Amino acid sequence: MLYLAASDDETFGCVMGLVEPYQKRRSALAEKTDNKGNLPSTTLLEDEVVRIRAEKGLIFECGKGSLIINEDGKIQLKGTELLSRAQGMNRIKGAGVNIN
């Protein structure tokens, strides 16, 4: 206990606080990990493939560009300019394709 005396007479004063040994706090991210250190929405490195899993969705943003993946399978790719290149066949496939 930290006590501050109001005068030379120690009959008056106040308790300033409680002094306890320092305990390092775990980060909020560390508190969500399982016993192997994995997060529920986890990033794994398996055979040089990075897998990021999320329950509701993923958003990657950089400047004016973004990639949004929703849990229903909808994927949005946004940017000021999009470039698609392929050395082989570059296919656009879907139930319907709307260009412009």
PDB file of N, CA and C in Angstrom:
ATOM      1  N   MET A   1       0.846  -1.168   0.000  1.00  0.00           N
ATOM      2  CA  MET A   1       0.000   0.000   0.000  1.00  0.00           C
ATOM      3  C   MET A   1       0.897   1.239   0.000  1.00  0.00           C
ATOM      4  N   LEU A   2       0.518   2.238  -0.768  1.00  0.00           N
ATOM      5  CA  LEU A   2       1.251   3.492  -0.840  1.00  0.00           C
ATOM      6  C   LEU A   2       0.455   4.525  -0.053  1.00  0.00           C
ATOM      7  N   TYR A   3       1.079   5.057   1.018  1.00  0.00           N
ATOM      8  CA  TYR A   3       0.401   5.974   1.929  1.00  0.00           C
ATOM      9  C   TYR A   3       1.110   7.319   1.914  1.00  0.00           C
ATOM     10  N   LEU A   4       0.359   8.395   1.777  1.00  0.00           N
ATOM     11  CA  LEU A   4       0.923   9.741   1.790  1.00  0.00           C
ATOM     12  C   LEU A   4       0.438  10.450   3.045  1.00  0.00           C
ATOM     13  N   ALA A   5       1.393  10.790   3.894  1.00  0.00           N
ATOM     14  CA  ALA A   5       1.048  11.505   5.124  1.00  0.00           C
ATOM     15  C   ALA A   5       0.788  12.970   4.809  1.00  0.00           C
ATOM     16  N   ALA A   6      -0.246  13.549   5.427  1.00  0.00           N
ATOM     17  CA  ALA A   6      -0.614  14.935   5.162  1.00  0.00           C
ATOM     18  C   ALA A   6       0.301  15.911   5.890  1.00  0.00           C
ATOM     19  N   SER A   7       0.930  15.487   6.977  1.00  0.00           N
ATOM     20  CA  SER A   7       1.827  16.364   7.729  1.00  0.00           C
ATOM     21  C   SER A   7       2.846  15.501   8.453  1.00  0.00           C
ATOM     22  N   ASP A   8       3.646  16.150   9.281  1.00  0.00           N
ATOM     23  CA  ASP A   8       4.624  15.382  10.066  1.00  0.00           C
ATOM     24  C   ASP A   8       3.904  14.465  11.043  1.00  0.00           C
ATOM     25  N   ASP A   9       2.715  14.856  11.437  1.00  0.00           N
ATOM     26  CA  ASP A   9       1.894  14.020  12.311  1.00  0.00           C
ATOM     27  C   ASP A   9       1.249  12.948  11.426  1.00  0.00           C
ATOM     28  N   GLU A  10       1.636  11.715  11.567  1.00  0.00           N
ATOM     29  CA  GLU A  10       1.186  10.648  10.689  1.00  0.00           C
ATOM     30  C   GLU A  10      -0.224  10.155  10.996  1.00  0.00           C
ATOM     31  N   THR A  11      -0.975  10.910  11.780  1.00  0.00           N
ATOM     32  CA  THR A  11      -2.347  10.485  12.064  1.00  0.00           C
ATOM     33  C   THR A  11      -3.285  10.858  10.932  1.00  0.00           C
ATOM     34  N   PHE A  12      -2.858  11.788  10.057  1.00  0.00           N
ATOM     35  CA  PHE A  12      -3.675  12.187   8.912  1.00  0.00           C
ATOM     36  C   PHE A  12      -2.912  11.894   7.615  1.00  0.00           C
ATOM     37  N   GLY A  13      -3.647  11.486   6.633  1.00  0.00           N
ATOM     38  CA  GLY A  13      -3.038  11.196   5.338  1.00  0.00           C
ATOM     39  C   GLY A  13      -4.045  10.441   4.471  1.00  0.00           C
ATOM     40  N   CYS A  14      -3.569   9.892   3.385  1.00  0.00           N
ATOM     41  CA  CYS A  14      -4.464   9.126   2.521  1.00  0.00           C
ATOM     42  C   CYS A  14      -3.706   8.002   1.823  1.00  0.00           C
ATOM     43  N   VAL A  15      -4.462   6.988   1.453  1.00  0.00           N
ATOM     44  CA  VAL A  15      -3.908   5.865   0.709  1.00  0.00           C
ATOM     45  C   VAL A  15      -3.899   6.269  -0.760  1.00  0.00           C
ATOM     46  N   MET A  16      -2.722   6.228  -1.391  1.00  0.00           N
ATOM     47  CA  MET A  16      -2.568   6.650  -2.776  1.00  0.00           C
ATOM     48  C   MET A  16      -2.796   5.502  -3.755  1.00  0.00           C
ATOM     49  N   GLY A  17      -2.562   4.306  -3.306  1.00  0.00           N
ATOM     50  CA  GLY A  17      -2.749   3.170  -4.198  1.00  0.00           C
ATOM     51  C   GLY A  17      -2.173   1.910  -3.605  1.00  0.00           C
ATOM     52  N   LEU A  18      -2.311   0.848  -4.343  1.00  0.00           N
ATOM     53  CA  LEU A  18      -1.826  -0.452  -3.914  1.00  0.00           C
ATOM     54  C   LEU A  18      -0.675  -0.837  -4.826  1.00  0.00           C
ATOM     55  N   VAL A  19       0.459  -1.163  -4.263  1.00  0.00           N
ATOM     56  CA  VAL A  19       1.627  -1.536  -5.036  1.00  0.00           C
ATOM     57  C   VAL A  19       1.664  -3.056  -5.116  1.00  0.00           C
ATOM     58  N   GLU A  20       1.647  -3.579  -6.356  1.00  0.00           N
ATOM     59  CA  GLU A  20       1.685  -5.021  -6.568  1.00  0.00           C
ATOM     60  C   GLU A  20       2.843  -5.365  -7.489  1.00  0.00           C
ATOM     61  N   PRO A  21       3.290  -6.597  -7.460  1.00  0.00           N
ATOM     62  CA  PRO A  21       4.353  -6.988  -8.383  1.00  0.00           C
ATOM     63  C   PRO A  21       3.880  -6.828  -9.834  1.00  0.00           C
ATOM     64  N   TYR A  22       4.779  -6.453 -10.737  1.00  0.00           N
ATOM     65  CA  TYR A  22       4.451  -6.256 -12.149  1.00  0.00           C
ATOM     66  C   TYR A  22       4.132  -7.590 -12.790  1.00  0.00           C
ATOM     67  N   GLN A  23       3.024  -7.633 -13.508  1.00  0.00           N
ATOM     68  CA  GLN A  23       2.657  -8.814 -14.278  1.00  0.00           C
ATOM     69  C   GLN A  23       2.442  -8.379 -15.720  1.00  0.00           C
ATOM     70  N   LYS A  24       3.191  -8.984 -16.623  1.00  0.00           N
ATOM     71  CA  LYS A  24       3.071  -8.644 -18.027  1.00  0.00           C
ATOM     72  C   LYS A  24       1.705  -9.091 -18.537  1.00  0.00           C
ATOM     73  N   ARG A  25       0.994  -8.176 -19.207  1.00  0.00           N
ATOM     74  CA  ARG A  25      -0.313  -8.499 -19.774  1.00  0.00           C
ATOM     75  C   ARG A  25      -0.136  -9.191 -21.102  1.00  0.00           C
ATOM     76  N   ARG A  26      -0.998 -10.155 -21.368  1.00  0.00           N
ATOM     77  CA  ARG A  26      -1.016 -10.796 -22.678  1.00  0.00           C
ATOM     78  C   ARG A  26      -1.748  -9.876 -23.635  1.00  0.00           C
ATOM     79  N   SER A  27      -1.322  -9.875 -24.874  1.00  0.00           N
ATOM     80  CA  SER A  27      -1.990  -9.040 -25.862  1.00  0.00           C
ATOM     81  C   SER A  27      -3.380  -9.597 -26.146  1.00  0.00           C
ATOM     82  N   ALA A  28      -4.261  -8.743 -26.657  1.00  0.00           N
ATOM     83  CA  ALA A  28      -5.619  -9.172 -27.001  1.00  0.00           C
ATOM     84  C   ALA A  28      -5.583 -10.277 -28.043  1.00  0.00           C
ATOM     85  N   LEU A  29      -4.608 -10.221 -28.940  1.00  0.00           N
ATOM     86  CA  LEU A  29      -4.481 -11.251 -29.963  1.00  0.00           C
ATOM     87  C   LEU A  29      -4.056 -12.577 -29.344  1.00  0.00           C
ATOM     88  N   ALA A  30      -3.132 -12.533 -28.410  1.00  0.00           N
ATOM     89  CA  ALA A  30      -2.665 -13.756 -27.754  1.00  0.00           C
ATOM     90  C   ALA A  30      -3.777 -14.419 -26.945  1.00  0.00           C
ATOM     91  N   GLU A  31      -4.684 -13.629 -26.396  1.00  0.00           N
ATOM     92  CA  GLU A  31      -5.774 -14.185 -25.598  1.00  0.00           C
ATOM     93  C   GLU A  31      -6.754 -14.992 -26.439  1.00  0.00           C
ATOM     94  N   LYS A  32      -6.796 -14.751 -27.747  1.00  0.00           N
ATOM     95  CA  LYS A  32      -7.730 -15.446 -28.617  1.00  0.00           C
ATOM     96  C   LYS A  32      -7.148 -16.728 -29.217  1.00  0.00           C
ATOM     97  N   THR A  33      -5.869 -16.998 -28.967  1.00  0.00           N
ATOM     98  CA  THR A  33      -5.241 -18.162 -29.570  1.00  0.00           C
ATOM     99  C   THR A  33      -5.563 -19.434 -28.798  1.00  0.00           C
ATOM    100  N   ASP A  34      -5.490 -20.571 -29.488  1.00  0.00           N
ATOM    101  CA  ASP A  34      -5.679 -21.855 -28.821  1.00  0.00           C
ATOM    102  C   ASP A  34      -4.339 -22.301 -28.235  1.00  0.00           C
ATOM    103  N   ASN A  35      -4.294 -23.520 -27.709  1.00  0.00           N
ATOM    104  CA  ASN A  35      -3.067 -23.975 -27.044  1.00  0.00           C
ATOM    105  C   ASN A  35      -1.900 -24.184 -28.013  1.00  0.00           C
ATOM    106  N   LYS A  36      -2.154 -24.198 -29.325  1.00  0.00           N
ATOM    107  CA  LYS A  36      -1.085 -24.309 -30.315  1.00  0.00           C
ATOM    108  C   LYS A  36      -0.667 -22.948 -30.853  1.00  0.00           C
ATOM    109  N   GLY A  37      -1.325 -21.865 -30.405  1.00  0.00           N
ATOM    110  CA  GLY A  37      -1.001 -20.530 -30.870  1.00  0.00           C
ATOM    111  C   GLY A  37      -1.759 -20.113 -32.113  1.00  0.00           C
ATOM    112  N   ASN A  38      -2.738 -20.915 -32.549  1.00  0.00           N
ATOM    113  CA  ASN A  38      -3.535 -20.574 -33.726  1.00  0.00           C
ATOM    114  C   ASN A  38      -4.750 -19.758 -33.337  1.00  0.00           C
ATOM    115  N   LEU A  39      -5.132 -18.840 -34.213  1.00  0.00           N
ATOM    116  CA  LEU A  39      -6.337 -18.056 -34.011  1.00  0.00           C
ATOM    117  C   LEU A  39      -7.532 -18.820 -34.560  1.00  0.00           C
ATOM    118  N   PRO A  40      -8.767 -18.537 -34.077  1.00  0.00           N
ATOM    119  CA  PRO A  40      -9.947 -19.185 -34.654  1.00  0.00           C
ATOM    120  C   PRO A  40     -10.048 -18.931 -36.157  1.00  0.00           C
ATOM    121  N   SER A  41      -9.842 -17.707 -36.586  1.00  0.00           N
ATOM    122  CA  SER A  41      -9.714 -17.382 -38.008  1.00  0.00           C
ATOM    123  C   SER A  41      -8.219 -17.373 -38.254  1.00  0.00           C
ATOM    124  N   THR A  42      -7.708 -18.465 -38.705  1.00  0.00           N
ATOM    125  CA  THR A  42      -6.275 -18.683 -38.597  1.00  0.00           C
ATOM    126  C   THR A  42      -5.537 -18.520 -39.920  1.00  0.00           C
ATOM    127  N   THR A  43      -4.279 -18.233 -39.811  1.00  0.00           N
ATOM    128  CA  THR A  43      -3.387 -18.187 -40.952  1.00  0.00           C
ATOM    129  C   THR A  43      -2.414 -19.347 -40.783  1.00  0.00           C
ATOM    130  N   LEU A  44      -2.360 -20.224 -41.753  1.00  0.00           N
ATOM    131  CA  LEU A  44      -1.491 -21.393 -41.664  1.00  0.00           C
ATOM    132  C   LEU A  44      -0.545 -21.433 -42.851  1.00  0.00           C
ATOM    133  N   LEU A  45       0.609 -21.970 -42.636  1.00  0.00           N
ATOM    134  CA  LEU A  45       1.540 -22.203 -43.727  1.00  0.00           C
ATOM    135  C   LEU A  45       1.631 -23.712 -43.893  1.00  0.00           C
ATOM    136  N   GLU A  46       1.054 -24.210 -44.972  1.00  0.00           N
ATOM    137  CA  GLU A  46       1.041 -25.643 -45.235  1.00  0.00           C
ATOM    138  C   GLU A  46       1.661 -25.877 -46.597  1.00  0.00           C
ATOM    139  N   ASP A  47       2.770 -26.551 -46.638  1.00  0.00           N
ATOM    140  CA  ASP A  47       3.425 -26.857 -47.904  1.00  0.00           C
ATOM    141  C   ASP A  47       3.573 -25.607 -48.771  1.00  0.00           C
ATOM    142  N   GLU A  48       4.007 -24.518 -48.165  1.00  0.00           N
ATOM    143  CA  GLU A  48       4.254 -23.240 -48.824  1.00  0.00           C
ATOM    144  C   GLU A  48       2.999 -22.598 -49.402  1.00  0.00           C
ATOM    145  N   VAL A  49       1.850 -22.937 -48.860  1.00  0.00           N
ATOM    146  CA  VAL A  49       0.582 -22.302 -49.227  1.00  0.00           C
ATOM    147  C   VAL A  49       0.070 -21.590 -47.976  1.00  0.00           C
ATOM    148  N   VAL A  50      -0.261 -20.313 -48.101  1.00  0.00           N
ATOM    149  CA  VAL A  50      -0.795 -19.564 -46.969  1.00  0.00           C
ATOM    150  C   VAL A  50      -2.312 -19.620 -47.038  1.00  0.00           C
ATOM    151  N   ARG A  51      -2.933 -20.051 -45.965  1.00  0.00           N
ATOM    152  CA  ARG A  51      -4.387 -20.128 -45.899  1.00  0.00           C
ATOM    153  C   ARG A  51      -4.857 -19.183 -44.807  1.00  0.00           C
ATOM    154  N   ILE A  52      -5.769 -18.296 -45.178  1.00  0.00           N
ATOM    155  CA  ILE A  52      -6.380 -17.379 -44.222  1.00  0.00           C
ATOM    156  C   ILE A  52      -7.853 -17.734 -44.173  1.00  0.00           C
ATOM    157  N   ARG A  53      -8.348 -18.020 -42.997  1.00  0.00           N
ATOM    158  CA  ARG A  53      -9.732 -18.438 -42.843  1.00  0.00           C
ATOM    159  C   ARG A  53     -10.484 -17.417 -41.994  1.00  0.00           C
ATOM    160  N   ALA A  54     -11.686 -17.097 -42.409  1.00  0.00           N
ATOM    161  CA  ALA A  54     -12.525 -16.187 -41.634  1.00  0.00           C
ATOM    162  C   ALA A  54     -13.968 -16.662 -41.718  1.00  0.00           C
ATOM    163  N   GLU A  55     -14.730 -16.440 -40.678  1.00  0.00           N
ATOM    164  CA  GLU A  55     -16.120 -16.886 -40.638  1.00  0.00           C
ATOM    165  C   GLU A  55     -17.047 -15.991 -41.451  1.00  0.00           C
ATOM    166  N   LYS A  56     -16.881 -14.691 -41.370  1.00  0.00           N
ATOM    167  CA  LYS A  56     -17.830 -13.755 -41.989  1.00  0.00           C
ATOM    168  C   LYS A  56     -17.328 -13.122 -43.274  1.00  0.00           C
ATOM    169  N   GLY A  57     -16.039 -12.865 -43.391  1.00  0.00           N
ATOM    170  CA  GLY A  57     -15.531 -12.239 -44.600  1.00  0.00           C
ATOM    171  C   GLY A  57     -14.094 -11.787 -44.437  1.00  0.00           C
ATOM    172  N   LEU A  58     -13.487 -11.443 -45.562  1.00  0.00           N
ATOM    173  CA  LEU A  58     -12.123 -10.927 -45.579  1.00  0.00           C
ATOM    174  C   LEU A  58     -12.090  -9.642 -46.385  1.00  0.00           C
ATOM    175  N   ILE A  59     -11.305  -8.691 -45.946  1.00  0.00           N
ATOM    176  CA  ILE A  59     -11.118  -7.451 -46.676  1.00  0.00           C
ATOM    177  C   ILE A  59      -9.622  -7.152 -46.713  1.00  0.00           C
ATOM    178  N   PHE A  60      -9.099  -6.998 -47.920  1.00  0.00           N
ATOM    179  CA  PHE A  60      -7.721  -6.570 -48.120  1.00  0.00           C
ATOM    180  C   PHE A  60      -7.791  -5.180 -48.733  1.00  0.00           C
ATOM    181  N   GLU A  61      -7.144  -4.220 -48.115  1.00  0.00           N
ATOM    182  CA  GLU A  61      -7.167  -2.848 -48.615  1.00  0.00           C
ATOM    183  C   GLU A  61      -5.752  -2.304 -48.733  1.00  0.00           C
ATOM    184  N   CYS A  62      -5.532  -1.560 -49.795  1.00  0.00           N
ATOM    185  CA  CYS A  62      -4.278  -0.849 -49.975  1.00  0.00           C
ATOM    186  C   CYS A  62      -4.594   0.386 -50.806  1.00  0.00           C
ATOM    187  N   GLY A  63      -4.471   1.551 -50.224  1.00  0.00           N
ATOM    188  CA  GLY A  63      -4.775   2.789 -50.936  1.00  0.00           C
ATOM    189  C   GLY A  63      -6.204   2.789 -51.449  1.00  0.00           C
ATOM    190  N   LYS A  64      -6.376   2.959 -52.759  1.00  0.00           N
ATOM    191  CA  LYS A  64      -7.707   3.016 -53.357  1.00  0.00           C
ATOM    192  C   LYS A  64      -8.173   1.658 -53.875  1.00  0.00           C
ATOM    193  N   GLY A  65      -7.415   0.591 -53.593  1.00  0.00           N
ATOM    194  CA  GLY A  65      -7.785  -0.736 -54.056  1.00  0.00           C
ATOM    195  C   GLY A  65      -8.235  -1.625 -52.914  1.00  0.00           C
ATOM    196  N   SER A  66      -9.124  -2.562 -53.227  1.00  0.00           N
ATOM    197  CA  SER A  66      -9.572  -3.510 -52.206  1.00  0.00           C
ATOM    198  C   SER A  66     -10.039  -4.812 -52.836  1.00  0.00           C
ATOM    199  N   LEU A  67      -9.942  -5.857 -52.058  1.00  0.00           N
ATOM    200  CA  LEU A  67     -10.463  -7.171 -52.391  1.00  0.00           C
ATOM    201  C   LEU A  67     -11.354  -7.570 -51.225  1.00  0.00           C
ATOM    202  N   ILE A  68     -12.627  -7.810 -51.510  1.00  0.00           N
ATOM    203  CA  ILE A  68     -13.600  -8.142 -50.477  1.00  0.00           C
ATOM    204  C   ILE A  68     -14.179  -9.508 -50.793  1.00  0.00           C
ATOM    205  N   ILE A  69     -14.109 -10.419 -49.826  1.00  0.00           N
ATOM    206  CA  ILE A  69     -14.677 -11.754 -49.977  1.00  0.00           C
ATOM    207  C   ILE A  69     -15.712 -11.944 -48.877  1.00  0.00           C
ATOM    208  N   ASN A  70     -16.954 -12.199 -49.274  1.00  0.00           N
ATOM    209  CA  ASN A  70     -18.039 -12.394 -48.313  1.00  0.00           C
ATOM    210  C   ASN A  70     -18.277 -13.874 -48.066  1.00  0.00           C
ATOM    211  N   GLU A  71     -18.941 -14.180 -46.957  1.00  0.00           N
ATOM    212  CA  GLU A  71     -19.193 -15.570 -46.589  1.00  0.00           C
ATOM    213  C   GLU A  71     -20.102 -16.282 -47.580  1.00  0.00           C
ATOM    214  N   ASP A  72     -20.906 -15.539 -48.357  1.00  0.00           N
ATOM    215  CA  ASP A  72     -21.798 -16.164 -49.335  1.00  0.00           C
ATOM    216  C   ASP A  72     -21.089 -16.472 -50.652  1.00  0.00           C
ATOM    217  N   GLY A  73     -19.781 -16.171 -50.755  1.00  0.00           N
ATOM    218  CA  GLY A  73     -19.003 -16.475 -51.952  1.00  0.00           C
ATOM    219  C   GLY A  73     -18.847 -15.309 -52.902  1.00  0.00           C
ATOM    220  N   LYS A  74     -19.471 -14.171 -52.605  1.00  0.00           N
ATOM    221  CA  LYS A  74     -19.346 -13.004 -53.461  1.00  0.00           C
ATOM    222  C   LYS A  74     -17.963 -12.388 -53.272  1.00  0.00           C
ATOM    223  N   ILE A  75     -17.295 -12.091 -54.395  1.00  0.00           N
ATOM    224  CA  ILE A  75     -15.965 -11.494 -54.367  1.00  0.00           C
ATOM    225  C   ILE A  75     -16.006 -10.178 -55.133  1.00  0.00           C
ATOM    226  N   GLN A  76     -15.513  -9.123 -54.516  1.00  0.00           N
ATOM    227  CA  GLN A  76     -15.466  -7.812 -55.158  1.00  0.00           C
ATOM    228  C   GLN A  76     -14.004  -7.382 -55.257  1.00  0.00           C
ATOM    229  N   LEU A  77     -13.600  -7.000 -56.443  1.00  0.00           N
ATOM    230  CA  LEU A  77     -12.259  -6.485 -56.678  1.00  0.00           C
ATOM    231  C   LEU A  77     -12.418  -5.054 -57.158  1.00  0.00           C
ATOM    232  N   LYS A  78     -11.916  -4.096 -56.378  1.00  0.00           N
ATOM    233  CA  LYS A  78     -12.095  -2.683 -56.698  1.00  0.00           C
ATOM    234  C   LYS A  78     -10.743  -2.004 -56.815  1.00  0.00           C
ATOM    235  N   GLY A  79     -10.645  -1.072 -57.767  1.00  0.00           N
ATOM    236  CA  GLY A  79      -9.420  -0.303 -57.917  1.00  0.00           C
ATOM    237  C   GLY A  79      -9.603   0.781 -58.951  1.00  0.00           C
ATOM    238  N   THR A  80      -8.638   1.654 -59.044  1.00  0.00           N
ATOM    239  CA  THR A  80      -8.719   2.718 -60.045  1.00  0.00           C
ATOM    240  C   THR A  80      -8.432   2.166 -61.436  1.00  0.00           C
ATOM    241  N   GLU A  81      -7.709   1.050 -61.507  1.00  0.00           N
ATOM    242  CA  GLU A  81      -7.416   0.383 -62.781  1.00  0.00           C
ATOM    243  C   GLU A  81      -7.181  -1.090 -62.480  1.00  0.00           C
ATOM    244  N   LEU A  82      -7.746  -1.978 -63.291  1.00  0.00           N
ATOM    245  CA  LEU A  82      -7.554  -3.413 -63.115  1.00  0.00           C
ATOM    246  C   LEU A  82      -6.852  -3.967 -64.345  1.00  0.00           C
ATOM    247  N   LEU A  83      -5.883  -4.814 -64.117  1.00  0.00           N
ATOM    248  CA  LEU A  83      -5.132  -5.431 -65.199  1.00  0.00           C
ATOM    249  C   LEU A  83      -5.148  -6.936 -64.990  1.00  0.00           C
ATOM    250  N   SER A  84      -5.521  -7.668 -66.034  1.00  0.00           N
ATOM    251  CA  SER A  84      -5.535  -9.121 -65.975  1.00  0.00           C
ATOM    252  C   SER A  84      -4.627  -9.635 -67.082  1.00  0.00           C
ATOM    253  N   ARG A  85      -3.613 -10.418 -66.710  1.00  0.00           N
ATOM    254  CA  ARG A  85      -2.676 -10.958 -67.692  1.00  0.00           C
ATOM    255  C   ARG A  85      -2.562 -12.464 -67.487  1.00  0.00           C
ATOM    256  N   ALA A  86      -2.367 -13.153 -68.583  1.00  0.00           N
ATOM    257  CA  ALA A  86      -2.147 -14.588 -68.506  1.00  0.00           C
ATOM    258  C   ALA A  86      -1.219 -15.008 -69.628  1.00  0.00           C
ATOM    259  N   GLN A  87      -0.318 -15.936 -69.351  1.00  0.00           N
ATOM    260  CA  GLN A  87       0.533 -16.479 -70.412  1.00  0.00           C
ATOM    261  C   GLN A  87      -0.262 -17.498 -71.221  1.00  0.00           C
ATOM    262  N   GLY A  88      -1.207 -18.145 -70.582  1.00  0.00           N
ATOM    263  CA  GLY A  88      -2.078 -19.084 -71.266  1.00  0.00           C
ATOM    264  C   GLY A  88      -3.432 -18.434 -71.495  1.00  0.00           C
ATOM    265  N   MET A  89      -4.456 -19.242 -71.578  1.00  0.00           N
ATOM    266  CA  MET A  89      -5.830 -18.772 -71.790  1.00  0.00           C
ATOM    267  C   MET A  89      -6.296 -17.924 -70.606  1.00  0.00           C
ATOM    268  N   ASN A  90      -6.862 -16.770 -70.879  1.00  0.00           N
ATOM    269  CA  ASN A  90      -7.450 -15.905 -69.859  1.00  0.00           C
ATOM    270  C   ASN A  90      -8.958 -16.031 -70.008  1.00  0.00           C
ATOM    271  N   ARG A  91      -9.590 -16.757 -69.106  1.00  0.00           N
ATOM    272  CA  ARG A  91     -11.008 -17.072 -69.241  1.00  0.00           C
ATOM    273  C   ARG A  91     -11.854 -16.232 -68.309  1.00  0.00           C
ATOM    274  N   ILE A  92     -13.017 -15.836 -68.781  1.00  0.00           N
ATOM    275  CA  ILE A  92     -14.052 -15.216 -67.958  1.00  0.00           C
ATOM    276  C   ILE A  92     -15.231 -16.168 -68.036  1.00  0.00           C
ATOM    277  N   LYS A  93     -15.615 -16.724 -66.908  1.00  0.00           N
ATOM    278  CA  LYS A  93     -16.651 -17.753 -66.924  1.00  0.00           C
ATOM    279  C   LYS A  93     -17.666 -17.439 -65.831  1.00  0.00           C
ATOM    280  N   GLY A  94     -18.932 -17.528 -66.156  1.00  0.00           N
ATOM    281  CA  GLY A  94     -19.986 -17.317 -65.179  1.00  0.00           C
ATOM    282  C   GLY A  94     -21.332 -17.583 -65.808  1.00  0.00           C
ATOM    283  N   ALA A  95     -22.356 -17.629 -64.985  1.00  0.00           N
ATOM    284  CA  ALA A  95     -23.704 -17.843 -65.493  1.00  0.00           C
ATOM    285  C   ALA A  95     -24.063 -16.737 -66.474  1.00  0.00           C
ATOM    286  N   GLY A  96     -23.600 -15.537 -66.173  1.00  0.00           N
ATOM    287  CA  GLY A  96     -23.746 -14.394 -67.054  1.00  0.00           C
ATOM    288  C   GLY A  96     -22.531 -13.518 -66.932  1.00  0.00           C
ATOM    289  N   VAL A  97     -22.146 -12.893 -68.019  1.00  0.00           N
ATOM    290  CA  VAL A  97     -20.984 -12.015 -67.989  1.00  0.00           C
ATOM    291  C   VAL A  97     -21.413 -10.669 -68.519  1.00  0.00           C
ATOM    292  N   ASN A  98     -21.201  -9.624 -67.725  1.00  0.00           N
ATOM    293  CA  ASN A  98     -21.587  -8.271 -68.103  1.00  0.00           C
ATOM    294  C   ASN A  98     -20.317  -7.446 -68.261  1.00  0.00           C
ATOM    295  N   ILE A  99     -20.007  -7.025 -69.457  1.00  0.00           N
ATOM    296  CA  ILE A  99     -18.840  -6.183 -69.719  1.00  0.00           C
ATOM    297  C   ILE A  99     -19.354  -4.814 -70.153  1.00  0.00           C
ATOM    298  N   ASN A 100     -18.989  -3.795 -69.356  1.00  0.00           N
ATOM    299  CA  ASN A 100     -19.479  -2.432 -69.551  1.00  0.00           C
ATOM    300  C   ASN A 100     -20.943  -2.467 -69.388  1.00  0.00           C
TER     301      ASN A 100
END
